[in-house]
């Protein structure tokens, strides 16, 4: 039923066994161990790009956490609208929550496929997917420091071949398997601790109770489960588990270092761009392409000087010439003003008095007596 998984897994393992068998010998236990280890490395190399996408997606999800929290509060009573807004936010930021699950989801069928292929290495079997009868016999007869690769310490209903049937002994099996179980548990804990340390940069996610429970499972339950469940697994699966966690540690170091360097470079570029746009020390800010100074609002010193000179000169000239100015032009409908006859003395007999029509104008004294007479006549 799952041949689409079993055949690719067995093919990759078969290729590596041919390569290492050429170096160490086809029946050597180290050739079979290395074929299992490099089966893991091959599959993880194929999944390298999805893993990088997973890390980037997690970073973006952490950056979007405050906005997502606002949306949850805003649409707390409208689940459909909340889902639509969440999807829109993730699409705008290029984040894919399912991208983080892809590497894990792919590794599960690989683990199942390897477990099934190892179980099918049985005495007397003529083939095992890509492996022929001679290769099946070679795997059954090989050992690693006296431990059989296809045997487990504790037999279960899933174990089709016992340790005794493979020609092994319990002491040799435990001597090899116990250190591997401990190493597998330690590597699982270290890998989980690095992941949790990365999540610490997002306080909102760490405050989530579900996240806290999952982190505890990753840190303690999973490593203990590897140690406790080791005796129930074939020895070759323990090699798979150790090499898989070893690859994960190295991959995390490389990928996180690369992404941190990219983010630091982006921050440096953004800082340099802001500094290039900011005014230099002592430089006056520019407004609408004109130089702003203390002499005027947007006007240069020459314009200010010209304006002040014009204002002073205009005021002085206007005041001096006002007294000698002629009668202003008549307005439409205004009565004619009687001008004094040639040689006539000014009204009031006082120097500086002007005709009645010019009383109260700038430059003239104004004749109060004449003004009173004008009022009586009216």
Protein backbone atom coordinates (compact mmCIF):
# COMPACT_ATOMS: atom_id res chain seq x y z
CA UNK A 1 0.00 0.00 0.00
CA UNK A 2 2.86 2.38 0.82
CA UNK A 3 5.20 1.14 -1.89
CA UNK A 4 5.56 4.73 -3.16
CA UNK A 5 7.44 5.36 0.12
CA UNK A 6 9.25 2.03 0.51
CA UNK A 7 10.80 1.93 -2.95
CA UNK A 8 12.43 5.41 -2.85
CA UNK A 9 13.77 4.81 0.67
CA UNK A 10 15.20 1.42 -0.24
CA UNK A 11 16.67 2.80 -3.48
CA UNK A 12 18.60 5.59 -1.71
CA UNK A 13 19.87 3.15 0.89
CA UNK A 14 20.82 0.66 -1.86
CA UNK A 15 22.86 3.31 -3.73
CA UNK A 16 24.83 4.28 -0.63
CA UNK A 17 25.44 0.63 0.30
CA UNK A 18 26.92 0.06 -3.15
CA UNK A 19 29.23 3.06 -2.66
CA UNK A 20 30.41 2.17 0.86
CA UNK A 21 30.46 -1.56 0.07
CA UNK A 22 32.99 -0.83 -2.63
CA UNK A 23 35.24 0.79 0.02
CA UNK A 24 34.69 -1.40 3.11
CA UNK A 25 33.26 -4.55 1.58
CA UNK A 26 29.63 -5.42 0.84
CA UNK A 27 29.23 -7.58 3.97
CA UNK A 28 30.87 -5.14 6.41
CA UNK A 29 28.61 -3.78 9.13
CA UNK A 30 30.10 -0.29 8.79
CA UNK A 31 28.97 -0.20 5.14
CA UNK A 32 25.37 -0.85 6.20
CA UNK A 33 25.56 1.69 9.06
CA UNK A 34 26.91 4.39 6.74
CA UNK A 35 24.24 3.58 4.15
CA UNK A 36 21.58 4.28 6.79
CA UNK A 37 23.29 7.48 7.95
CA UNK A 38 23.73 8.86 4.44
CA UNK A 39 20.16 7.92 3.61
CA UNK A 40 19.22 10.44 6.31
CA UNK A 41 21.69 13.04 5.03
CA UNK A 42 20.38 12.69 1.48
CA UNK A 43 16.76 13.18 2.48
CA UNK A 44 17.61 16.12 4.74
CA UNK A 45 19.63 17.74 1.95
CA UNK A 46 16.57 17.48 -0.30
CA UNK A 47 14.52 19.14 2.45
CA UNK A 48 17.07 21.93 3.05
CA UNK A 49 15.21 24.57 1.03
CA UNK A 50 11.84 23.83 2.69
CA UNK A 51 13.60 24.08 6.06
CA UNK A 52 14.91 27.55 5.19
CA UNK A 53 11.38 28.51 4.15
CA UNK A 54 10.13 27.16 7.46
CA UNK A 55 12.55 29.37 9.42
CA UNK A 56 11.67 32.47 7.37
CA UNK A 57 7.97 31.76 7.80
CA UNK A 58 8.43 31.44 11.56
CA UNK A 59 10.28 34.76 11.66
CA UNK A 60 7.50 36.50 9.74
CA UNK A 61 4.86 34.95 11.98
CA UNK A 62 6.72 36.29 15.02
CA UNK A 63 6.85 39.77 13.47
CA UNK A 64 3.13 39.63 12.71
CA UNK A 65 2.20 38.48 16.23
CA UNK A 66 1.19 41.99 17.49
CA UNK A 67 -1.01 42.59 14.42
CA UNK A 68 -2.58 39.16 14.75
CA UNK A 69 -3.34 39.86 18.41
CA UNK A 70 -5.10 43.09 17.43
CA UNK A 71 -7.18 41.22 14.86
CA UNK A 72 -8.19 38.61 17.46
CA UNK A 73 -9.42 41.35 19.78
CA UNK A 74 -11.16 43.27 17.01
CA UNK A 75 -13.00 40.27 15.53
CA UNK A 76 -13.39 38.20 18.68
CA UNK A 77 -17.09 37.61 17.94
CA UNK A 78 -16.76 37.09 14.17
CA UNK A 79 -14.72 33.96 13.45
CA UNK A 80 -15.30 34.10 9.70
CA UNK A 81 -14.11 37.70 9.42
CA UNK A 82 -11.14 36.92 11.68
CA UNK A 83 -10.07 34.03 9.44
CA UNK A 84 -10.35 36.23 6.34
CA UNK A 85 -8.32 39.06 7.90
CA UNK A 86 -5.69 36.61 9.17
CA UNK A 87 -5.32 35.12 5.70
CA UNK A 88 -5.07 38.59 4.19
CA UNK A 89 -2.37 39.63 6.68
CA UNK A 90 -0.35 36.47 6.03
CA UNK A 91 -0.67 36.93 2.26
CA UNK A 92 0.52 40.56 2.43
CA UNK A 93 3.57 39.58 4.49
CA UNK A 94 4.37 36.41 2.53
CA UNK A 95 3.98 34.11 5.55
CA UNK A 96 2.75 30.53 5.28
CA UNK A 97 1.93 28.76 8.57
CA UNK A 98 1.83 25.37 6.83
CA UNK A 99 5.36 25.90 5.49
CA UNK A 100 6.76 25.25 8.94
CA UNK A 101 5.15 21.82 9.08
CA UNK A 102 6.40 20.55 5.71
CA UNK A 103 9.85 19.24 6.76
CA UNK A 104 8.36 17.41 9.74
CA UNK A 105 5.54 15.93 7.68
CA UNK A 106 7.98 14.62 5.09
CA UNK A 107 10.26 13.01 7.70
CA UNK A 108 7.40 10.97 9.18
CA UNK A 109 6.84 8.78 6.08
CA UNK A 110 10.63 8.45 5.69
CA UNK A 111 10.89 7.10 9.22
CA UNK A 112 7.99 4.71 8.57
CA UNK A 113 9.56 3.61 5.27
CA UNK A 114 12.98 2.94 6.82
CA UNK A 115 11.42 1.04 9.72
CA UNK A 116 9.46 -1.17 7.30
CA UNK A 117 12.46 -1.82 5.01
CA UNK A 118 14.63 -2.85 7.98
CA UNK A 119 11.95 -5.24 9.23
CA UNK A 120 11.91 -6.95 5.83
CA UNK A 121 15.57 -8.01 6.12
CA UNK A 122 14.71 -11.56 7.19
CA UNK A 123 16.68 -14.78 6.95
CA UNK A 124 15.79 -16.69 3.81
CA UNK A 125 14.00 -13.80 2.09
CA UNK A 126 14.80 -13.48 -1.60
CA UNK A 127 14.23 -9.72 -2.04
CA UNK A 128 13.48 -6.52 -0.17
CA UNK A 129 12.28 -3.93 -2.66
CA UNK A 130 15.54 -2.79 -4.35
CA UNK A 131 17.68 -5.27 -2.44
CA UNK A 132 18.22 -8.74 -3.89
CA UNK A 133 18.66 -12.07 -2.09
CA UNK A 134 22.45 -11.70 -1.67
CA UNK A 135 22.06 -8.23 -0.20
CA UNK A 136 19.37 -9.42 2.19
CA UNK A 137 21.66 -12.22 3.39
CA UNK A 138 24.54 -9.72 3.73
CA UNK A 139 22.47 -7.45 5.97
CA UNK A 140 21.30 -10.37 8.14
CA UNK A 141 24.83 -11.73 8.63
CA UNK A 142 26.51 -8.35 9.24
CA UNK A 143 27.00 -6.83 12.69
CA UNK A 144 28.37 -3.64 14.26
CA UNK A 145 30.67 -4.51 17.17
CA UNK A 146 28.67 -7.71 17.66
CA UNK A 147 25.23 -6.00 17.51
CA UNK A 148 22.75 -6.89 14.78
CA UNK A 149 21.44 -3.88 12.80
CA UNK A 150 17.98 -5.31 12.22
CA UNK A 151 17.37 -6.56 15.77
CA UNK A 152 15.87 -4.83 18.81
CA UNK A 153 16.41 -5.61 22.48
CA UNK A 154 12.71 -6.07 23.28
CA UNK A 155 10.61 -8.03 20.81
CA UNK A 156 7.10 -6.79 20.08
CA UNK A 157 4.29 -7.87 17.80
CA UNK A 158 5.87 -5.69 15.09
CA UNK A 159 9.18 -7.57 15.33
CA UNK A 160 9.16 -10.30 12.74
CA UNK A 161 12.71 -11.40 13.44
CA UNK A 162 14.12 -11.95 16.92
CA UNK A 163 17.66 -11.28 18.07
CA UNK A 164 18.30 -15.02 18.42
CA UNK A 165 17.11 -15.71 14.87
CA UNK A 166 19.61 -13.15 13.55
CA UNK A 167 22.41 -14.83 15.49
CA UNK A 168 23.06 -12.01 17.96
CA UNK A 169 23.37 -11.89 21.74
CA UNK A 170 21.76 -9.51 24.24
CA UNK A 171 24.98 -8.28 25.85
CA UNK A 172 26.56 -7.06 22.63
CA UNK A 173 23.26 -5.53 21.58
CA UNK A 174 22.96 -3.54 24.83
CA UNK A 175 26.59 -2.38 24.74
CA UNK A 176 25.99 -0.71 21.38
CA UNK A 177 22.38 0.40 21.82
CA UNK A 178 22.51 2.04 25.27
CA UNK A 179 25.08 4.74 24.30
CA UNK A 180 23.14 5.41 21.09
CA UNK A 181 19.88 5.80 23.03
CA UNK A 182 21.51 8.28 25.42
CA UNK A 183 23.12 10.25 22.58
CA UNK A 184 19.83 10.31 20.66
CA UNK A 185 18.02 11.67 23.74
CA UNK A 186 20.68 14.35 24.33
CA UNK A 187 20.64 15.50 20.71
CA UNK A 188 16.83 15.63 20.75
CA UNK A 189 16.92 17.82 23.86
CA UNK A 190 19.58 20.17 22.42
CA UNK A 191 17.67 20.56 19.16
CA UNK A 192 14.46 21.38 21.05
CA UNK A 193 16.30 23.84 23.32
CA UNK A 194 17.61 25.78 20.33
CA UNK A 195 14.10 26.00 18.89
CA UNK A 196 12.66 27.22 22.20
CA UNK A 197 15.45 29.80 22.55
CA UNK A 198 14.48 31.21 19.15
CA UNK A 199 10.86 31.49 20.26
CA UNK A 200 11.90 33.56 23.29
CA UNK A 201 12.27 36.57 20.96
CA UNK A 202 8.46 36.60 20.68
CA UNK A 203 6.96 37.25 24.15
CA UNK A 204 3.40 37.00 22.84
CA UNK A 205 3.99 33.45 21.59
CA UNK A 206 5.74 32.43 24.79
CA UNK A 207 2.77 33.69 26.82
CA UNK A 208 0.46 31.32 24.94
CA UNK A 209 -0.35 28.30 27.19
CA UNK A 210 -0.38 25.91 24.23
CA UNK A 211 3.11 27.03 23.23
CA UNK A 212 4.37 26.53 26.78
CA UNK A 213 2.99 22.98 26.87
CA UNK A 214 4.49 22.14 23.48
CA UNK A 215 7.88 23.49 24.53
CA UNK A 216 7.90 21.28 27.63
CA UNK A 217 7.04 18.26 25.51
CA UNK A 218 9.89 19.04 23.11
CA UNK A 219 12.41 19.69 25.88
CA UNK A 220 11.72 16.76 28.18
CA UNK A 221 9.07 14.29 27.03
CA UNK A 222 10.42 13.64 23.52
CA UNK A 223 14.06 13.05 24.62
CA UNK A 224 12.92 10.74 27.40
CA UNK A 225 10.67 8.96 24.93
CA UNK A 226 13.65 8.29 22.64
CA UNK A 227 15.64 6.75 25.52
CA UNK A 228 12.72 4.68 26.80
CA UNK A 229 11.58 3.59 23.33
CA UNK A 230 15.10 2.74 22.08
CA UNK A 231 15.01 -0.94 23.17
CA UNK A 232 11.87 -1.47 21.08
CA UNK A 233 13.52 -0.18 17.87
CA UNK A 234 16.01 -1.92 15.57
CA UNK A 235 19.59 -0.77 15.99
CA UNK A 236 19.64 0.74 12.48
CA UNK A 237 16.71 3.01 13.43
CA UNK A 238 18.75 4.37 16.36
CA UNK A 239 21.52 5.24 13.91
CA UNK A 240 18.87 6.99 11.83
CA UNK A 241 17.67 8.96 14.88
CA UNK A 242 21.14 10.06 15.99
CA UNK A 243 22.24 11.12 12.50
CA UNK A 244 18.96 12.95 11.91
CA UNK A 245 19.35 15.04 15.09
CA UNK A 246 23.02 15.66 14.33
CA UNK A 247 22.09 17.01 10.90
CA UNK A 248 19.37 19.17 12.44
CA UNK A 249 21.83 20.77 14.88
CA UNK A 250 24.30 21.62 12.14
CA UNK A 251 21.57 22.83 9.80
CA UNK A 252 20.05 25.10 12.44
CA UNK A 253 23.44 26.67 13.14
CA UNK A 254 24.10 27.37 9.44
CA UNK A 255 20.61 28.59 8.53
CA UNK A 256 20.06 30.77 11.59
CA UNK A 257 23.50 32.33 11.20
CA UNK A 258 22.77 33.10 7.54
CA UNK A 259 19.36 34.62 8.26
CA UNK A 260 20.69 36.66 11.20
CA UNK A 261 23.43 38.04 8.93
CA UNK A 262 20.84 38.97 6.29
CA UNK A 263 18.68 40.79 8.84
CA UNK A 264 21.70 42.63 10.27
CA UNK A 265 22.67 43.73 6.76
CA UNK A 266 19.15 45.00 6.09
CA UNK A 267 19.21 47.01 9.32
CA UNK A 268 22.59 48.50 8.43
CA UNK A 269 21.32 49.53 4.98
CA UNK A 270 18.19 51.09 6.48
CA UNK A 271 20.29 53.00 9.04
CA UNK A 272 22.70 54.22 6.35
CA UNK A 273 19.78 55.37 4.19
CA UNK A 274 18.24 57.33 7.07
CA UNK A 275 21.60 58.93 7.85
CA UNK A 276 22.10 59.94 4.21
CA UNK A 277 18.70 61.67 4.11
CA UNK A 278 19.14 63.41 7.47
CA UNK A 279 20.62 67.01 7.45
CA UNK A 280 24.31 67.29 8.26
CA UNK A 281 25.38 68.94 11.55
CA UNK A 282 25.13 72.74 11.23
CA UNK A 283 23.20 72.60 7.95
CA UNK A 284 19.96 74.63 7.78
CA UNK A 285 16.87 72.65 6.76
CA UNK A 286 15.56 73.22 3.24
CA UNK A 287 11.94 74.28 2.68
CA UNK A 288 10.46 74.39 -0.81
CA UNK A 289 13.89 74.83 -2.32
CA UNK A 290 14.49 78.16 -0.52
CA UNK A 291 16.96 79.01 2.19
CA UNK A 292 15.30 79.76 5.51
CA UNK A 293 17.13 82.31 7.63
CA UNK A 294 16.51 84.54 10.62
CA UNK A 295 16.09 87.64 8.42
CA UNK A 296 12.72 86.61 7.04
CA UNK A 297 10.32 83.74 6.40
CA UNK A 298 11.74 82.11 3.32
CA UNK A 299 13.25 85.41 2.02
CA UNK A 300 16.93 86.13 1.68
CA UNK A 301 18.76 88.99 3.41
CA UNK A 302 18.73 91.13 0.24
CA UNK A 303 14.97 90.87 -0.04
CA UNK A 304 14.55 91.78 3.63
CA UNK A 305 16.84 94.80 3.24
CA UNK A 306 15.03 95.93 0.12
CA UNK A 307 11.67 95.58 1.83
CA UNK A 308 12.76 97.53 4.89
CA UNK A 309 14.27 100.31 2.78
CA UNK A 310 11.17 100.51 0.66
CA UNK A 311 8.94 100.64 3.71
CA UNK A 312 10.95 103.41 5.39
CA UNK A 313 11.39 105.47 2.26
CA UNK A 314 7.77 105.08 1.29
CA UNK A 315 6.59 106.18 4.71
CA UNK A 316 8.85 109.24 4.82
CA UNK A 317 8.05 110.33 1.28
CA UNK A 318 4.34 109.82 1.85
CA UNK A 319 4.37 111.91 5.00
CA UNK A 320 6.34 114.77 3.44
CA UNK A 321 4.46 114.90 0.18
CA UNK A 322 1.07 114.46 1.78
CA UNK A 323 0.76 118.12 2.75
CA UNK A 324 1.54 119.40 -0.75
CA UNK A 325 -0.57 116.89 -2.58
CA UNK A 326 -3.41 118.12 -4.73
CA UNK A 327 -7.03 117.44 -4.00
CA UNK A 328 -7.79 113.82 -4.56
CA UNK A 329 -10.00 112.78 -7.45
CA UNK A 330 -13.72 113.23 -6.95
CA UNK A 331 -15.83 110.25 -6.29
CA UNK A 332 -18.87 109.67 -8.51
CA UNK A 333 -21.82 111.74 -7.22
CA UNK A 334 -19.77 113.86 -4.81
CA UNK A 335 -20.45 117.63 -4.55
CA UNK A 336 -17.83 120.00 -6.02
CA UNK A 337 -15.42 121.58 -3.58
CA UNK A 338 -14.96 125.39 -3.77
CA UNK A 339 -11.39 126.26 -4.40
CA UNK A 340 -9.94 129.52 -3.01
CA UNK A 341 -9.58 132.41 -5.47
CA UNK A 342 -6.14 133.46 -6.56
CA UNK A 343 -4.61 135.78 -3.98
CA UNK A 344 -7.22 135.00 -1.34
CA UNK A 345 -6.04 134.42 2.19
CA UNK A 346 -6.56 131.13 3.79
CA UNK A 347 -9.61 130.69 5.95
CA UNK A 348 -8.88 131.30 9.62
CA UNK A 349 -5.94 133.55 8.87
CA UNK A 350 -3.52 131.11 10.36
CA UNK A 351 -0.54 129.80 8.57
CA UNK A 352 -0.88 126.21 7.47
CA UNK A 353 -4.69 126.30 7.30
CA UNK A 354 -6.09 124.52 4.25
CA UNK A 355 -9.34 125.04 2.39
CA UNK A 356 -12.48 123.62 3.93
CA UNK A 357 -12.43 120.61 1.69
CA UNK A 358 -8.96 119.66 2.84
CA UNK A 359 -9.58 119.75 6.57
CA UNK A 360 -8.32 116.71 8.49
CA UNK A 361 -6.13 115.38 5.68
CA UNK A 362 -2.51 114.32 6.21
CA UNK A 363 -0.20 117.31 6.03
CA UNK A 364 -2.93 119.91 6.87
CA UNK A 365 -3.91 121.46 10.19
CA UNK A 366 -7.71 121.45 9.69
CA UNK A 367 -9.90 124.55 10.45
CA UNK A 368 -12.17 123.89 13.43
CA UNK A 369 -14.09 127.20 13.03
CA UNK A 370 -15.01 126.43 9.47
CA UNK A 371 -16.11 122.97 10.50
CA UNK A 372 -18.45 124.42 13.14
CA UNK A 373 -20.00 126.83 10.61
CA UNK A 374 -20.55 123.97 8.24
CA UNK A 375 -22.49 122.11 10.89
CA UNK A 376 -24.72 125.17 11.65
CA UNK A 377 -25.55 125.61 8.01
CA UNK A 378 -26.68 122.02 7.75
